[in-house]
Each structure stands twice: as C-alpha cells, then as structure tokens.
C-alpha cells in the first residue's frame, strides 16, 4: 500500500526542485551582458501594449473640450487603430504562456479522463 503522505511529499520535492532550477536558469539568463539579449528577455517578461496606449490617447482626445472639434476627429480613429492593434499584436508574456499551457494541459487531462 502506498502512503499518500509520502506521495504528496515526493511531489512537493519535485515541484521545489523544478522551481529552483527555473529560478537558477532565469538568473543565469539575465546575467548576459548583451544589450539585445537583455532587451529581448525584458520583452518576454513585460510586453508592450501599443494598442491600449493608442486607445487611451484616443479617449483622452475625444473627451478634451475644444471649440474646433479637431481632437474629436482624431480621437475616434485612434480608438479604432488601438483596437485593431490589440487584435493584431498580442501583448502576451511568458507568464501568460505558462497559464495558457497549464490550462490546455488540464483540459486535455479532463478530456482523457472522460474518454477513459
């Protein structure tokens, strides 16, 4: 008979070892002195969202009171362009990719369990 506490302890040890290896890998990777590599890794951690910025500027221009109405004419297209950029260029990071992968694995596991 397998002791469930020992199984749980083994799983926790595996998770701990995996987390340590991942942390060491990330710290070693960020130690590179190459500016291009550092910039690329920074983009993986924190992605820019140009679409959101354009939308914010568009909404600000739309709500600024101005007698000529030029800002209203510019604000609408900025909002539309921002929405297009949000659809075209996603701002996903490594964190988002990890969550999506975990979600896919759990849905595959649920499907597998329902079939078997």
C-alpha atoms as a PDB file:
ATOM      1  CA  UNK A   1       0.000   0.000   0.000  1.00  0.00           C
ATOM      2  CA  UNK A   2       1.329   3.403  -0.949  1.00  0.00           C
ATOM      3  CA  UNK A   3       1.306   6.069   1.738  1.00  0.00           C
ATOM      4  CA  UNK A   4      -0.463   9.175   0.323  1.00  0.00           C
ATOM      5  CA  UNK A   5       1.611  11.487   2.507  1.00  0.00           C
ATOM      6  CA  UNK A   6       4.852  10.136   1.043  1.00  0.00           C
ATOM      7  CA  UNK A   7       3.480  10.538  -2.467  1.00  0.00           C
ATOM      8  CA  UNK A   8       2.483  14.124  -1.688  1.00  0.00           C
ATOM      9  CA  UNK A   9       5.908  14.813  -0.165  1.00  0.00           C
ATOM     10  CA  UNK A  10       7.645  13.425  -3.258  1.00  0.00           C
ATOM     11  CA  UNK A  11       5.501  15.647  -5.473  1.00  0.00           C
ATOM     12  CA  UNK A  12       6.333  18.694  -3.350  1.00  0.00           C
ATOM     13  CA  UNK A  13      10.040  17.880  -3.586  1.00  0.00           C
ATOM     14  CA  UNK A  14       9.770  17.604  -7.372  1.00  0.00           C
ATOM     15  CA  UNK A  15       7.942  20.941  -7.573  1.00  0.00           C
ATOM     16  CA  UNK A  16      10.548  22.553  -5.327  1.00  0.00           C
ATOM     17  CA  UNK A  17      13.431  21.213  -7.405  1.00  0.00           C
ATOM     18  CA  UNK A  18      11.755  22.375 -10.585  1.00  0.00           C
ATOM     19  CA  UNK A  19      11.207  25.865  -9.166  1.00  0.00           C
ATOM     20  CA  UNK A  20      14.840  26.071  -8.042  1.00  0.00           C
ATOM     21  CA  UNK A  21      16.117  25.003 -11.454  1.00  0.00           C
ATOM     22  CA  UNK A  22      13.834  27.512 -13.180  1.00  0.00           C
ATOM     23  CA  UNK A  23      14.942  30.335 -10.867  1.00  0.00           C
ATOM     24  CA  UNK A  24      18.597  29.479 -11.465  1.00  0.00           C
ATOM     25  CA  UNK A  25      18.046  29.379 -15.203  1.00  0.00           C
ATOM     26  CA  UNK A  26      16.334  32.780 -15.211  1.00  0.00           C
ATOM     27  CA  UNK A  27      19.052  34.330 -13.070  1.00  0.00           C
ATOM     28  CA  UNK A  28      21.771  32.928 -15.354  1.00  0.00           C
ATOM     29  CA  UNK A  29      19.998  34.115 -18.494  1.00  0.00           C
ATOM     30  CA  UNK A  30      19.564  37.645 -17.185  1.00  0.00           C
ATOM     31  CA  UNK A  31      23.261  37.742 -16.392  1.00  0.00           C
ATOM     32  CA  UNK A  32      24.102  38.157 -20.067  1.00  0.00           C
ATOM     33  CA  UNK A  33      25.815  41.432 -20.894  1.00  0.00           C
ATOM     34  CA  UNK A  34      24.485  41.635 -24.434  1.00  0.00           C
ATOM     35  CA  UNK A  35      22.028  44.539 -24.662  1.00  0.00           C
ATOM     36  CA  UNK A  36      19.955  42.864 -27.372  1.00  0.00           C
ATOM     37  CA  UNK A  37      19.514  39.721 -25.280  1.00  0.00           C
ATOM     38  CA  UNK A  38      18.539  41.719 -22.221  1.00  0.00           C
ATOM     39  CA  UNK A  39      16.015  43.700 -24.284  1.00  0.00           C
ATOM     40  CA  UNK A  40      14.524  40.507 -25.724  1.00  0.00           C
ATOM     41  CA  UNK A  41      14.189  38.906 -22.307  1.00  0.00           C
ATOM     42  CA  UNK A  42      12.607  42.082 -20.995  1.00  0.00           C
ATOM     43  CA  UNK A  43      10.046  41.910 -23.783  1.00  0.00           C
ATOM     44  CA  UNK A  44       9.225  38.346 -22.741  1.00  0.00           C
ATOM     45  CA  UNK A  45       8.656  39.444 -19.160  1.00  0.00           C
ATOM     46  CA  UNK A  46       6.764  42.656 -19.827  1.00  0.00           C
ATOM     47  CA  UNK A  47       5.230  43.078 -23.243  1.00  0.00           C
ATOM     48  CA  UNK A  48       4.337  46.493 -24.523  1.00  0.00           C
ATOM     49  CA  UNK A  49       0.744  47.151 -25.465  1.00  0.00           C
ATOM     50  CA  UNK A  50       0.686  49.864 -28.153  1.00  0.00           C
ATOM     51  CA  UNK A  51      -2.996  49.283 -28.824  1.00  0.00           C
ATOM     52  CA  UNK A  52      -4.001  50.066 -25.246  1.00  0.00           C
ATOM     53  CA  UNK A  53      -1.903  53.239 -25.297  1.00  0.00           C
ATOM     54  CA  UNK A  54      -3.495  54.399 -28.538  1.00  0.00           C
ATOM     55  CA  UNK A  55      -6.952  53.734 -27.153  1.00  0.00           C
ATOM     56  CA  UNK A  56      -6.208  55.757 -24.021  1.00  0.00           C
ATOM     57  CA  UNK A  57      -4.885  58.675 -26.049  1.00  0.00           C
ATOM     58  CA  UNK A  58      -7.922  58.449 -28.339  1.00  0.00           C
ATOM     59  CA  UNK A  59     -10.347  58.534 -25.410  1.00  0.00           C
ATOM     60  CA  UNK A  60      -8.484  61.474 -23.885  1.00  0.00           C
ATOM     61  CA  UNK A  61      -8.620  63.389 -27.147  1.00  0.00           C
ATOM     62  CA  UNK A  62     -12.285  62.563 -27.546  1.00  0.00           C
ATOM     63  CA  UNK A  63     -13.149  63.985 -24.131  1.00  0.00           C
ATOM     64  CA  UNK A  64     -10.988  67.140 -24.323  1.00  0.00           C
ATOM     65  CA  UNK A  65     -13.247  70.133 -24.868  1.00  0.00           C
ATOM     66  CA  UNK A  66     -12.125  72.110 -27.865  1.00  0.00           C
ATOM     67  CA  UNK A  67     -14.130  74.536 -29.984  1.00  0.00           C
ATOM     68  CA  UNK A  68     -12.828  73.413 -33.398  1.00  0.00           C
ATOM     69  CA  UNK A  69     -13.516  69.698 -32.912  1.00  0.00           C
ATOM     70  CA  UNK A  70     -10.180  68.554 -34.323  1.00  0.00           C
ATOM     71  CA  UNK A  71      -9.437  66.409 -31.282  1.00  0.00           C
ATOM     72  CA  UNK A  72     -12.783  64.657 -31.680  1.00  0.00           C
ATOM     73  CA  UNK A  73     -11.966  63.919 -35.308  1.00  0.00           C
ATOM     74  CA  UNK A  74      -8.584  62.478 -34.308  1.00  0.00           C
ATOM     75  CA  UNK A  75      -9.764  60.624 -31.184  1.00  0.00           C
ATOM     76  CA  UNK A  76     -12.141  58.245 -32.963  1.00  0.00           C
ATOM     77  CA  UNK A  77      -9.592  56.866 -35.439  1.00  0.00           C
ATOM     78  CA  UNK A  78      -7.046  56.484 -32.639  1.00  0.00           C
ATOM     79  CA  UNK A  79      -9.502  54.342 -30.687  1.00  0.00           C
ATOM     80  CA  UNK A  80     -10.208  52.199 -33.765  1.00  0.00           C
ATOM     81  CA  UNK A  81      -6.480  51.862 -34.526  1.00  0.00           C
ATOM     82  CA  UNK A  82      -5.818  50.846 -30.919  1.00  0.00           C
ATOM     83  CA  UNK A  83      -8.471  48.131 -31.073  1.00  0.00           C
ATOM     84  CA  UNK A  84      -7.002  46.860 -34.345  1.00  0.00           C
ATOM     85  CA  UNK A  85      -3.515  46.713 -32.821  1.00  0.00           C
ATOM     86  CA  UNK A  86      -4.886  44.823 -29.811  1.00  0.00           C
ATOM     87  CA  UNK A  87      -6.264  42.176 -32.143  1.00  0.00           C
ATOM     88  CA  UNK A  88      -3.236  42.064 -34.432  1.00  0.00           C
ATOM     89  CA  UNK A  89      -0.374  42.223 -31.903  1.00  0.00           C
ATOM     90  CA  UNK A  90      -0.905  40.445 -28.630  1.00  0.00           C
ATOM     91  CA  UNK A  91       0.967  41.523 -25.544  1.00  0.00           C
ATOM     92  CA  UNK A  92       1.440  38.079 -24.069  1.00  0.00           C
ATOM     93  CA  UNK A  93       4.366  37.387 -21.787  1.00  0.00           C
ATOM     94  CA  UNK A  94       5.985  34.220 -20.506  1.00  0.00           C
ATOM     95  CA  UNK A  95       3.589  34.302 -17.570  1.00  0.00           C
ATOM     96  CA  UNK A  96       0.592  34.284 -19.921  1.00  0.00           C
ATOM     97  CA  UNK A  97       2.064  31.461 -21.991  1.00  0.00           C
ATOM     98  CA  UNK A  98       2.585  29.394 -18.838  1.00  0.00           C
ATOM     99  CA  UNK A  99      -1.008  29.921 -17.698  1.00  0.00           C
ATOM    100  CA  UNK A 100      -2.376  29.010 -21.117  1.00  0.00           C
ATOM    101  CA  UNK A 101      -0.210  25.889 -21.267  1.00  0.00           C
ATOM    102  CA  UNK A 102      -1.408  24.833 -17.818  1.00  0.00           C
ATOM    103  CA  UNK A 103      -4.999  25.410 -18.891  1.00  0.00           C
ATOM    104  CA  UNK A 104      -4.514  23.353 -22.058  1.00  0.00           C
ATOM    105  CA  UNK A 105      -2.907  20.503 -20.122  1.00  0.00           C
ATOM    106  CA  UNK A 106      -5.773  20.405 -17.631  1.00  0.00           C
ATOM    107  CA  UNK A 107      -8.384  20.424 -20.403  1.00  0.00           C
ATOM    108  CA  UNK A 108      -6.552  17.605 -22.210  1.00  0.00           C
ATOM    109  CA  UNK A 109      -6.396  15.671 -18.942  1.00  0.00           C
ATOM    110  CA  UNK A 110     -10.129  16.227 -18.348  1.00  0.00           C
ATOM    111  CA  UNK A 111     -10.902  15.035 -21.874  1.00  0.00           C
ATOM    112  CA  UNK A 112      -8.687  11.989 -21.415  1.00  0.00           C
ATOM    113  CA  UNK A 113     -10.356  11.125 -18.107  1.00  0.00           C
ATOM    114  CA  UNK A 114     -13.833  11.496 -19.596  1.00  0.00           C
ATOM    115  CA  UNK A 115     -12.978   9.188 -22.504  1.00  0.00           C
ATOM    116  CA  UNK A 116     -11.370   6.562 -20.320  1.00  0.00           C
END
